[in-house]
All heavy atoms as atom14 arrays in JSON, in Angstrom:
{
  "sequence": "ANSFADAIFELKDGDRTIAVLEGISRDNIREGERLQKVEAVSFPDYN",
  "atom14_mask": [
    [1, 1, 1, 1, 1, 0, 0, 0, 0, 0, 0, 0, 0, 0],
    [1, 1, 1, 1, 1, 1, 1, 1, 0, 0, 0, 0, 0, 0],
    [1, 1, 1, 1, 1, 1, 0, 0, 0, 0, 0, 0, 0, 0],
    [1, 1, 1, 1, 1, 1, 1, 1, 1, 1, 1, 0, 0, 0],
    [1, 1, 1, 1, 1, 0, 0, 0, 0, 0, 0, 0, 0, 0],
    [1, 1, 1, 1, 1, 1, 1, 1, 0, 0, 0, 0, 0, 0],
    [1, 1, 1, 1, 1, 0, 0, 0, 0, 0, 0, 0, 0, 0],
    [1, 1, 1, 1, 1, 1, 1, 1, 0, 0, 0, 0, 0, 0],
    [1, 1, 1, 1, 1, 1, 1, 1, 1, 1, 1, 0, 0, 0],
    [1, 1, 1, 1, 1, 1, 1, 1, 1, 0, 0, 0, 0, 0],
    [1, 1, 1, 1, 1, 1, 1, 1, 0, 0, 0, 0, 0, 0],
    [1, 1, 1, 1, 1, 1, 1, 1, 1, 0, 0, 0, 0, 0],
    [1, 1, 1, 1, 1, 1, 1, 1, 0, 0, 0, 0, 0, 0],
    [1, 1, 1, 1, 0, 0, 0, 0, 0, 0, 0, 0, 0, 0],
    [1, 1, 1, 1, 1, 1, 1, 1, 0, 0, 0, 0, 0, 0],
    [1, 1, 1, 1, 1, 1, 1, 1, 1, 1, 1, 0, 0, 0],
    [1, 1, 1, 1, 1, 1, 1, 0, 0, 0, 0, 0, 0, 0],
    [1, 1, 1, 1, 1, 1, 1, 1, 0, 0, 0, 0, 0, 0],
    [1, 1, 1, 1, 1, 0, 0, 0, 0, 0, 0, 0, 0, 0],
    [1, 1, 1, 1, 1, 1, 1, 0, 0, 0, 0, 0, 0, 0],
    [1, 1, 1, 1, 1, 1, 1, 1, 0, 0, 0, 0, 0, 0],
    [1, 1, 1, 1, 1, 1, 1, 1, 1, 0, 0, 0, 0, 0],
    [1, 1, 1, 1, 0, 0, 0, 0, 0, 0, 0, 0, 0, 0],
    [1, 1, 1, 1, 1, 1, 1, 1, 0, 0, 0, 0, 0, 0],
    [1, 1, 1, 1, 1, 1, 0, 0, 0, 0, 0, 0, 0, 0],
    [1, 1, 1, 1, 1, 1, 1, 1, 1, 1, 1, 0, 0, 0],
    [1, 1, 1, 1, 1, 1, 1, 1, 0, 0, 0, 0, 0, 0],
    [1, 1, 1, 1, 1, 1, 1, 1, 0, 0, 0, 0, 0, 0],
    [1, 1, 1, 1, 1, 1, 1, 1, 0, 0, 0, 0, 0, 0],
    [1, 1, 1, 1, 1, 1, 1, 1, 1, 1, 1, 0, 0, 0],
    [1, 1, 1, 1, 1, 1, 1, 1, 1, 0, 0, 0, 0, 0],
    [1, 1, 1, 1, 0, 0, 0, 0, 0, 0, 0, 0, 0, 0],
    [1, 1, 1, 1, 1, 1, 1, 1, 1, 0, 0, 0, 0, 0],
    [1, 1, 1, 1, 1, 1, 1, 1, 1, 1, 1, 0, 0, 0],
    [1, 1, 1, 1, 1, 1, 1, 1, 0, 0, 0, 0, 0, 0],
    [1, 1, 1, 1, 1, 1, 1, 1, 1, 0, 0, 0, 0, 0],
    [1, 1, 1, 1, 1, 1, 1, 1, 1, 0, 0, 0, 0, 0],
    [1, 1, 1, 1, 1, 1, 1, 0, 0, 0, 0, 0, 0, 0],
    [1, 1, 1, 1, 1, 1, 1, 1, 1, 0, 0, 0, 0, 0],
    [1, 1, 1, 1, 1, 0, 0, 0, 0, 0, 0, 0, 0, 0],
    [1, 1, 1, 1, 1, 1, 1, 0, 0, 0, 0, 0, 0, 0],
    [1, 1, 1, 1, 1, 1, 0, 0, 0, 0, 0, 0, 0, 0],
    [1, 1, 1, 1, 1, 1, 1, 1, 1, 1, 1, 0, 0, 0],
    [1, 1, 1, 1, 1, 1, 1, 0, 0, 0, 0, 0, 0, 0],
    [1, 1, 1, 1, 1, 1, 1, 1, 0, 0, 0, 0, 0, 0],
    [1, 1, 1, 1, 1, 1, 1, 1, 1, 1, 1, 1, 0, 0],
    [1, 1, 1, 1, 1, 1, 1, 1, 0, 0, 0, 0, 0, 0]
  ],
  "atom14_positions": [
    [[10.58, 2.58, -12.03], [10.64, 3.27, -10.77], [11.66, 2.63, -9.79], [12.29, 1.59, -10.11], [9.29, 3.27, -10.17], [0.0, 0.0, 0.0], [0.0, 0.0, 0.0], [0.0, 0.0, 0.0], [0.0, 0.0, 0.0], [0.0, 0.0, 0.0], [0.0, 0.0, 0.0], [0.0, 0.0, 0.0], [0.0, 0.0, 0.0], [0.0, 0.0, 0.0]],
    [[11.75, 3.15, -8.63], [12.68, 2.63, -7.56], [12.32, 1.16, -7.3], [11.21, 0.84, -6.99], [12.53, 3.41, -6.33], [13.54, 3.07, -5.29], [13.87, 2.0, -5.06], [14.03, 4.07, -4.59], [0.0, 0.0, 0.0], [0.0, 0.0, 0.0], [0.0, 0.0, 0.0], [0.0, 0.0, 0.0], [0.0, 0.0, 0.0], [0.0, 0.0, 0.0]],
    [[13.31, 0.29, -7.53], [13.03, -1.16, -7.43], [12.7, -1.56, -6.01], [12.21, -2.63, -5.77], [14.24, -1.92, -7.91], [15.45, -1.65, -7.1], [0.0, 0.0, 0.0], [0.0, 0.0, 0.0], [0.0, 0.0, 0.0], [0.0, 0.0, 0.0], [0.0, 0.0, 0.0], [0.0, 0.0, 0.0], [0.0, 0.0, 0.0], [0.0, 0.0, 0.0]],
    [[12.98, -0.72, -5.0], [12.65, -1.08, -3.6], [11.37, -0.34, -3.18], [11.05, -0.43, -1.9], [13.77, -0.59, -2.65], [15.05, -1.46, -2.94], [16.16, -0.91, -3.51], [15.09, -2.81, -2.69], [17.31, -1.6, -3.83], [16.26, -3.6, -2.95], [17.32, -2.98, -3.55], [0.0, 0.0, 0.0], [0.0, 0.0, 0.0], [0.0, 0.0, 0.0]],
    [[10.61, 0.32, -4.0], [9.42, 1.01, -3.68], [8.39, -0.02, -3.25], [8.27, -1.1, -3.89], [8.92, 1.89, -4.82], [0.0, 0.0, 0.0], [0.0, 0.0, 0.0], [0.0, 0.0, 0.0], [0.0, 0.0, 0.0], [0.0, 0.0, 0.0], [0.0, 0.0, 0.0], [0.0, 0.0, 0.0], [0.0, 0.0, 0.0], [0.0, 0.0, 0.0]],
    [[7.58, 0.31, -2.31], [6.51, -0.6, -1.77], [5.15, -0.32, -2.52], [5.06, 0.66, -3.24], [6.33, -0.46, -0.27], [5.8, -1.67, 0.39], [5.33, -2.57, -0.35], [5.79, -1.77, 1.57], [0.0, 0.0, 0.0], [0.0, 0.0, 0.0], [0.0, 0.0, 0.0], [0.0, 0.0, 0.0], [0.0, 0.0, 0.0], [0.0, 0.0, 0.0]],
    [[4.19, -1.18, -2.29], [2.86, -0.96, -2.83], [2.25, 0.22, -2.16], [2.62, 0.68, -1.05], [1.98, -2.24, -2.64], [0.0, 0.0, 0.0], [0.0, 0.0, 0.0], [0.0, 0.0, 0.0], [0.0, 0.0, 0.0], [0.0, 0.0, 0.0], [0.0, 0.0, 0.0], [0.0, 0.0, 0.0], [0.0, 0.0, 0.0], [0.0, 0.0, 0.0]],
    [[1.21, 0.86, -2.82], [0.37, 1.93, -2.32], [-1.02, 1.56, -2.35], [-1.46, 0.84, -3.32], [0.61, 3.2, -3.11], [2.03, 3.77, -2.93], [-0.37, 4.24, -2.64], [2.37, 5.01, -3.69], [0.0, 0.0, 0.0], [0.0, 0.0, 0.0], [0.0, 0.0, 0.0], [0.0, 0.0, 0.0], [0.0, 0.0, 0.0], [0.0, 0.0, 0.0]],
    [[-1.8, 1.83, -1.35], [-3.21, 1.44, -1.29], [-4.09, 2.72, -1.03], [-3.75, 3.51, -0.14], [-3.43, 0.42, -0.19], [-2.63, -0.85, -0.41], [-1.45, -1.03, 0.34], [-2.96, -1.8, -1.29], [-0.72, -2.13, 0.2], [-2.23, -2.96, -1.49], [-1.07, -3.14, -0.76], [0.0, 0.0, 0.0], [0.0, 0.0, 0.0], [0.0, 0.0, 0.0]],
    [[-5.06, 2.9, -1.87], [-5.95, 4.07, -1.77], [-7.42, 3.74, -1.77], [-7.77, 2.69, -2.33], [-5.64, 5.05, -2.92], [-4.24, 5.57, -2.97], [-4.02, 6.57, -4.18], [-4.96, 6.8, -4.86], [-2.87, 7.07, -4.32], [0.0, 0.0, 0.0], [0.0, 0.0, 0.0], [0.0, 0.0, 0.0], [0.0, 0.0, 0.0], [0.0, 0.0, 0.0]],
    [[-8.19, 4.61, -1.19], [-9.59, 4.5, -1.27], [-10.07, 5.65, -2.02], [-9.71, 6.85, -1.76], [-10.28, 4.52, 0.14], [-9.9, 3.33, 1.07], [-10.45, 3.49, 2.44], [-10.49, 1.96, 0.46], [0.0, 0.0, 0.0], [0.0, 0.0, 0.0], [0.0, 0.0, 0.0], [0.0, 0.0, 0.0], [0.0, 0.0, 0.0], [0.0, 0.0, 0.0]],
    [[-10.95, 5.5, -3.0], [-11.43, 6.57, -3.91], [-12.94, 6.5, -3.98], [-13.61, 5.48, -3.92], [-10.87, 6.33, -5.34], [-9.34, 6.27, -5.4], [-8.84, 6.11, -6.77], [-9.01, 7.36, -7.63], [-8.12, 8.48, -7.09], [0.0, 0.0, 0.0], [0.0, 0.0, 0.0], [0.0, 0.0, 0.0], [0.0, 0.0, 0.0], [0.0, 0.0, 0.0]],
    [[-13.45, 7.76, -4.13], [-14.9, 7.97, -4.34], [-14.95, 8.63, -5.7], [-14.73, 9.74, -5.86], [-15.43, 8.92, -3.28], [-16.93, 9.01, -3.49], [-17.51, 8.52, -4.38], [-17.5, 9.97, -2.73], [0.0, 0.0, 0.0], [0.0, 0.0, 0.0], [0.0, 0.0, 0.0], [0.0, 0.0, 0.0], [0.0, 0.0, 0.0], [0.0, 0.0, 0.0]],
    [[-15.24, 7.73, -6.67], [-15.16, 8.2, -8.07], [-13.68, 8.55, -8.46], [-12.8, 7.69, -8.29], [0.0, 0.0, 0.0], [0.0, 0.0, 0.0], [0.0, 0.0, 0.0], [0.0, 0.0, 0.0], [0.0, 0.0, 0.0], [0.0, 0.0, 0.0], [0.0, 0.0, 0.0], [0.0, 0.0, 0.0], [0.0, 0.0, 0.0], [0.0, 0.0, 0.0]],
    [[-13.4, 9.71, -8.95], [-12.03, 10.1, -9.23], [-11.34, 10.75, -8.04], [-10.19, 11.14, -8.19], [-12.03, 11.08, -10.45], [-12.41, 10.33, -11.74], [-12.22, 9.12, -11.76], [-12.82, 11.05, -12.67], [0.0, 0.0, 0.0], [0.0, 0.0, 0.0], [0.0, 0.0, 0.0], [0.0, 0.0, 0.0], [0.0, 0.0, 0.0], [0.0, 0.0, 0.0]],
    [[-12.01, 10.91, -6.93], [-11.47, 11.63, -5.83], [-10.9, 10.62, -4.82], [-11.49, 9.7, -4.4], [-12.57, 12.37, -5.12], [-12.02, 13.3, -3.9], [-13.18, 14.16, -3.44], [-14.32, 13.45, -2.91], [-14.4, 13.05, -1.6], [-13.51, 13.47, -0.74], [-15.46, 12.39, -1.28], [0.0, 0.0, 0.0], [0.0, 0.0, 0.0], [0.0, 0.0, 0.0]],
    [[-9.57, 10.87, -4.46], [-8.89, 10.05, -3.42], [-9.31, 10.52, -2.11], [-9.08, 11.66, -1.72], [-7.37, 10.12, -3.68], [-6.98, 9.65, -4.98], [-6.65, 9.27, -2.62], [0.0, 0.0, 0.0], [0.0, 0.0, 0.0], [0.0, 0.0, 0.0], [0.0, 0.0, 0.0], [0.0, 0.0, 0.0], [0.0, 0.0, 0.0], [0.0, 0.0, 0.0]],
    [[-9.91, 9.58, -1.26], [-10.38, 10.01, 0.01], [-9.47, 9.44, 1.16], [-9.52, 9.94, 2.28], [-11.84, 9.54, 0.31], [-11.88, 7.95, 0.15], [-12.76, 10.22, -0.67], [-13.3, 7.4, 0.42], [0.0, 0.0, 0.0], [0.0, 0.0, 0.0], [0.0, 0.0, 0.0], [0.0, 0.0, 0.0], [0.0, 0.0, 0.0], [0.0, 0.0, 0.0]],
    [[-8.59, 8.55, 0.83], [-7.66, 8.05, 1.84], [-6.47, 7.33, 1.17], [-6.66, 6.65, 0.17], [-8.37, 7.09, 2.77], [0.0, 0.0, 0.0], [0.0, 0.0, 0.0], [0.0, 0.0, 0.0], [0.0, 0.0, 0.0], [0.0, 0.0, 0.0], [0.0, 0.0, 0.0], [0.0, 0.0, 0.0], [0.0, 0.0, 0.0], [0.0, 0.0, 0.0]],
    [[-5.29, 7.58, 1.62], [-4.09, 6.82, 1.27], [-3.65, 6.06, 2.56], [-3.2, 6.76, 3.53], [-3.02, 7.71, 0.75], [-1.73, 6.89, 0.39], [-3.51, 8.54, -0.47], [0.0, 0.0, 0.0], [0.0, 0.0, 0.0], [0.0, 0.0, 0.0], [0.0, 0.0, 0.0], [0.0, 0.0, 0.0], [0.0, 0.0, 0.0], [0.0, 0.0, 0.0]],
    [[-3.63, 4.72, 2.6], [-3.23, 3.98, 3.69], [-1.8, 4.17, 4.06], [-0.94, 4.16, 3.19], [-3.55, 2.52, 3.53], [-5.05, 2.16, 3.27], [-5.26, 0.65, 3.26], [-5.99, 2.83, 4.3], [0.0, 0.0, 0.0], [0.0, 0.0, 0.0], [0.0, 0.0, 0.0], [0.0, 0.0, 0.0], [0.0, 0.0, 0.0], [0.0, 0.0, 0.0]],
    [[-1.51, 4.25, 5.38], [-0.13, 4.36, 5.81], [0.72, 3.15, 5.48], [0.25, 2.03, 5.56], [-0.09, 4.59, 7.35], [1.27, 4.69, 7.93], [1.21, 4.76, 9.46], [0.14, 4.8, 10.07], [2.39, 4.89, 10.03], [0.0, 0.0, 0.0], [0.0, 0.0, 0.0], [0.0, 0.0, 0.0], [0.0, 0.0, 0.0], [0.0, 0.0, 0.0]],
    [[1.9, 3.4, 5.0], [2.84, 2.33, 4.63], [3.64, 1.74, 5.91], [3.56, 2.38, 6.94], [0.0, 0.0, 0.0], [0.0, 0.0, 0.0], [0.0, 0.0, 0.0], [0.0, 0.0, 0.0], [0.0, 0.0, 0.0], [0.0, 0.0, 0.0], [0.0, 0.0, 0.0], [0.0, 0.0, 0.0], [0.0, 0.0, 0.0], [0.0, 0.0, 0.0]],
    [[4.28, 0.68, 5.6], [5.14, 0.03, 6.72], [6.45, 0.78, 6.85], [6.86, 0.98, 8.09], [5.39, -1.42, 6.33], [4.09, -2.23, 6.4], [6.41, -2.0, 7.27], [3.53, -2.41, 7.79], [0.0, 0.0, 0.0], [0.0, 0.0, 0.0], [0.0, 0.0, 0.0], [0.0, 0.0, 0.0], [0.0, 0.0, 0.0], [0.0, 0.0, 0.0]],
    [[7.09, 1.18, 5.81], [8.37, 1.81, 5.9], [8.38, 3.24, 5.6], [7.46, 3.76, 4.93], [9.31, 1.03, 5.0], [8.82, 1.04, 3.63], [0.0, 0.0, 0.0], [0.0, 0.0, 0.0], [0.0, 0.0, 0.0], [0.0, 0.0, 0.0], [0.0, 0.0, 0.0], [0.0, 0.0, 0.0], [0.0, 0.0, 0.0], [0.0, 0.0, 0.0]],
    [[9.42, 3.98, 6.04], [9.54, 5.35, 5.8], [9.62, 5.73, 4.31], [10.34, 5.02, 3.59], [10.79, 5.93, 6.52], [11.06, 7.4, 6.2], [12.26, 7.92, 6.97], [11.99, 8.04, 8.44], [12.89, 8.57, 9.25], [14.04, 8.98, 8.8], [12.59, 8.67, 10.53], [0.0, 0.0, 0.0], [0.0, 0.0, 0.0], [0.0, 0.0, 0.0]],
    [[8.94, 6.64, 3.92], [8.92, 7.1, 2.43], [8.44, 6.01, 1.52], [8.68, 6.01, 0.33], [10.29, 7.63, 1.99], [10.77, 8.86, 2.78], [9.85, 9.63, 3.16], [11.98, 8.99, 3.06], [0.0, 0.0, 0.0], [0.0, 0.0, 0.0], [0.0, 0.0, 0.0], [0.0, 0.0, 0.0], [0.0, 0.0, 0.0], [0.0, 0.0, 0.0]],
    [[7.84, 4.92, 2.09], [7.37, 3.76, 1.35], [8.46, 3.03, 0.53], [8.22, 2.45, -0.53], [6.29, 4.23, 0.38], [5.21, 3.15, 0.21], [4.79, 2.48, 1.11], [4.87, 2.91, -1.09], [0.0, 0.0, 0.0], [0.0, 0.0, 0.0], [0.0, 0.0, 0.0], [0.0, 0.0, 0.0], [0.0, 0.0, 0.0], [0.0, 0.0, 0.0]],
    [[9.76, 3.07, 1.09], [10.87, 2.44, 0.43], [11.25, 1.33, 1.35], [11.64, 1.51, 2.48], [12.0, 3.39, 0.11], [11.55, 4.52, -0.73], [13.19, 2.7, -0.48], [11.07, 4.14, -2.15], [0.0, 0.0, 0.0], [0.0, 0.0, 0.0], [0.0, 0.0, 0.0], [0.0, 0.0, 0.0], [0.0, 0.0, 0.0], [0.0, 0.0, 0.0]],
    [[11.38, 0.11, 0.82], [11.8, -1.08, 1.57], [13.38, -1.09, 1.63], [14.0, -0.48, 0.75], [11.35, -2.35, 0.97], [9.84, -2.45, 0.63], [8.95, -2.55, 1.85], [9.19, -3.72, 2.64], [8.22, -4.17, 3.48], [7.1, -3.51, 3.7], [8.47, -5.26, 4.19], [0.0, 0.0, 0.0], [0.0, 0.0, 0.0], [0.0, 0.0, 0.0]],
    [[13.9, -1.71, 2.64], [15.36, -1.88, 2.76], [15.75, -3.29, 2.41], [15.42, -4.27, 3.18], [15.81, -1.57, 4.17], [15.67, -0.11, 4.52], [16.3, 0.3, 5.87], [16.97, -0.66, 6.41], [16.14, 1.46, 6.28], [0.0, 0.0, 0.0], [0.0, 0.0, 0.0], [0.0, 0.0, 0.0], [0.0, 0.0, 0.0], [0.0, 0.0, 0.0]],
    [[16.41, -3.46, 1.33], [16.93, -4.87, 0.95], [15.91, -5.82, 0.47], [16.17, -6.99, 0.58], [0.0, 0.0, 0.0], [0.0, 0.0, 0.0], [0.0, 0.0, 0.0], [0.0, 0.0, 0.0], [0.0, 0.0, 0.0], [0.0, 0.0, 0.0], [0.0, 0.0, 0.0], [0.0, 0.0, 0.0], [0.0, 0.0, 0.0], [0.0, 0.0, 0.0]],
    [[14.77, -5.32, 0.07], [13.69, -6.28, -0.36], [12.83, -5.64, -1.37], [12.54, -4.42, -1.28], [12.88, -6.8, 0.81], [12.35, -5.73, 1.68], [11.85, -6.26, 3.06], [12.37, -7.33, 3.42], [11.02, -5.59, 3.72], [0.0, 0.0, 0.0], [0.0, 0.0, 0.0], [0.0, 0.0, 0.0], [0.0, 0.0, 0.0], [0.0, 0.0, 0.0]],
    [[12.28, -6.42, -2.32], [11.42, -5.94, -3.38], [10.06, -6.48, -3.26], [9.86, -7.68, -2.93], [12.04, -6.26, -4.74], [13.37, -5.55, -5.03], [13.72, -5.81, -6.57], [14.99, -5.12, -6.8], [16.17, -5.77, -6.94], [16.2, -7.06, -6.71], [17.24, -5.14, -7.2], [0.0, 0.0, 0.0], [0.0, 0.0, 0.0], [0.0, 0.0, 0.0]],
    [[9.04, -5.67, -3.55], [7.68, -6.15, -3.63], [7.52, -7.24, -4.66], [7.91, -7.08, -5.81], [6.75, -4.97, -3.87], [5.26, -5.34, -4.1], [4.65, -5.78, -2.8], [4.54, -4.16, -4.67], [0.0, 0.0, 0.0], [0.0, 0.0, 0.0], [0.0, 0.0, 0.0], [0.0, 0.0, 0.0], [0.0, 0.0, 0.0], [0.0, 0.0, 0.0]],
    [[6.93, -8.37, -4.32], [6.68, -9.43, -5.21], [5.22, -9.42, -5.66], [4.9, -9.49, -6.84], [6.98, -10.8, -4.57], [8.46, -11.11, -4.43], [9.1, -11.3, -5.8], [9.73, -10.4, -6.37], [9.0, -12.55, -6.33], [0.0, 0.0, 0.0], [0.0, 0.0, 0.0], [0.0, 0.0, 0.0], [0.0, 0.0, 0.0], [0.0, 0.0, 0.0]],
    [[4.28, -9.35, -4.66], [2.91, -9.44, -4.95], [2.05, -9.02, -3.82], [2.39, -9.13, -2.65], [2.64, -10.92, -5.31], [1.14, -11.17, -5.75], [1.01, -12.67, -5.95], [-0.49, -12.96, -6.44], [-0.71, -14.42, -6.61], [0.0, 0.0, 0.0], [0.0, 0.0, 0.0], [0.0, 0.0, 0.0], [0.0, 0.0, 0.0], [0.0, 0.0, 0.0]],
    [[0.88, -8.38, -4.18], [-0.13, -8.12, -3.16], [-1.01, -9.39, -3.24], [-1.71, -9.65, -4.12], [-0.93, -6.89, -3.52], [-2.11, -6.77, -2.51], [-0.13, -5.65, -3.52], [0.0, 0.0, 0.0], [0.0, 0.0, 0.0], [0.0, 0.0, 0.0], [0.0, 0.0, 0.0], [0.0, 0.0, 0.0], [0.0, 0.0, 0.0], [0.0, 0.0, 0.0]],
    [[-0.88, -10.2, -2.14], [-1.51, -11.52, -2.14], [-3.0, -11.54, -1.82], [-3.72, -12.35, -2.37], [-0.7, -12.46, -1.14], [0.73, -12.73, -1.58], [1.42, -13.61, -0.59], [0.83, -13.98, 0.42], [2.6, -13.98, -0.91], [0.0, 0.0, 0.0], [0.0, 0.0, 0.0], [0.0, 0.0, 0.0], [0.0, 0.0, 0.0], [0.0, 0.0, 0.0]],
    [[-3.34, -10.68, -0.9], [-4.76, -10.71, -0.47], [-5.13, -9.35, 0.15], [-4.28, -8.67, 0.78], [-4.96, -11.85, 0.55], [0.0, 0.0, 0.0], [0.0, 0.0, 0.0], [0.0, 0.0, 0.0], [0.0, 0.0, 0.0], [0.0, 0.0, 0.0], [0.0, 0.0, 0.0], [0.0, 0.0, 0.0], [0.0, 0.0, 0.0], [0.0, 0.0, 0.0]],
    [[-6.35, -9.08, -0.01], [-6.97, -7.82, 0.66], [-8.34, -8.28, 1.16], [-9.14, -8.96, 0.43], [-7.13, -6.64, -0.35], [-7.81, -5.48, 0.35], [-5.79, -6.23, -0.86], [0.0, 0.0, 0.0], [0.0, 0.0, 0.0], [0.0, 0.0, 0.0], [0.0, 0.0, 0.0], [0.0, 0.0, 0.0], [0.0, 0.0, 0.0], [0.0, 0.0, 0.0]],
    [[-8.71, -7.89, 2.46], [-10.03, -8.21, 2.93], [-10.49, -7.08, 3.82], [-9.69, -6.32, 4.36], [-9.91, -9.48, 3.8], [-11.16, -9.87, 4.3], [0.0, 0.0, 0.0], [0.0, 0.0, 0.0], [0.0, 0.0, 0.0], [0.0, 0.0, 0.0], [0.0, 0.0, 0.0], [0.0, 0.0, 0.0], [0.0, 0.0, 0.0], [0.0, 0.0, 0.0]],
    [[-11.79, -7.0, 3.99], [-12.49, -5.89, 4.79], [-13.36, -6.44, 5.89], [-14.54, -6.19, 5.91], [-13.24, -5.02, 3.8], [-12.5, -4.55, 2.64], [-12.65, -5.19, 1.42], [-11.53, -3.55, 2.7], [-11.97, -4.76, 0.24], [-10.83, -3.06, 1.59], [-11.05, -3.73, 0.34], [0.0, 0.0, 0.0], [0.0, 0.0, 0.0], [0.0, 0.0, 0.0]],
    [[-12.76, -7.11, 6.87], [-13.6, -7.62, 7.96], [-13.83, -6.56, 9.0], [-13.26, -5.56, 9.04], [-12.75, -8.82, 8.52], [-11.35, -8.25, 8.28], [-11.41, -7.55, 6.96], [0.0, 0.0, 0.0], [0.0, 0.0, 0.0], [0.0, 0.0, 0.0], [0.0, 0.0, 0.0], [0.0, 0.0, 0.0], [0.0, 0.0, 0.0], [0.0, 0.0, 0.0]],
    [[-14.69, -6.9, 9.95], [-14.84, -6.1, 11.21], [-14.28, -6.99, 12.29], [-15.03, -7.65, 13.04], [-16.22, -5.71, 11.52], [-16.45, -4.98, 12.77], [-15.38, -4.5, 13.32], [-17.6, -4.78, 13.21], [0.0, 0.0, 0.0], [0.0, 0.0, 0.0], [0.0, 0.0, 0.0], [0.0, 0.0, 0.0], [0.0, 0.0, 0.0], [0.0, 0.0, 0.0]],
    [[-12.92, -7.13, 12.35], [-12.33, -8.19, 13.16], [-12.54, -7.91, 14.72], [-12.51, -8.92, 15.47], [-10.9, -8.3, 12.91], [-9.99, -7.26, 13.49], [-9.51, -7.21, 14.78], [-9.54, -6.17, 12.64], [-8.63, -6.23, 15.26], [-8.7, -5.15, 13.11], [-8.36, -5.2, 14.43], [-7.49, -4.15, 14.91], [0.0, 0.0, 0.0], [0.0, 0.0, 0.0]],
    [[-12.75, -6.67, 15.09], [-12.9, -6.38, 16.5], [-14.37, -6.12, 16.9], [-14.66, -5.67, 18.05], [-12.06, -5.24, 16.91], [-12.3, -3.97, 16.07], [-13.19, -3.98, 15.2], [-11.61, -2.87, 16.3], [0.0, 0.0, 0.0], [0.0, 0.0, 0.0], [0.0, 0.0, 0.0], [0.0, 0.0, 0.0], [0.0, 0.0, 0.0], [0.0, 0.0, 0.0]]
  ]
}
């Protein structure tokens, strides 16, 4: 795939996708940088 494509994050209920989280860059393509790793994910209630 496109070497500058970013990660995608989804929430699913069974096989049904209920949400696709908004990405940082337009069309989910980075400029001059490649995704290395998704380092961490957490679900706090920070506020």
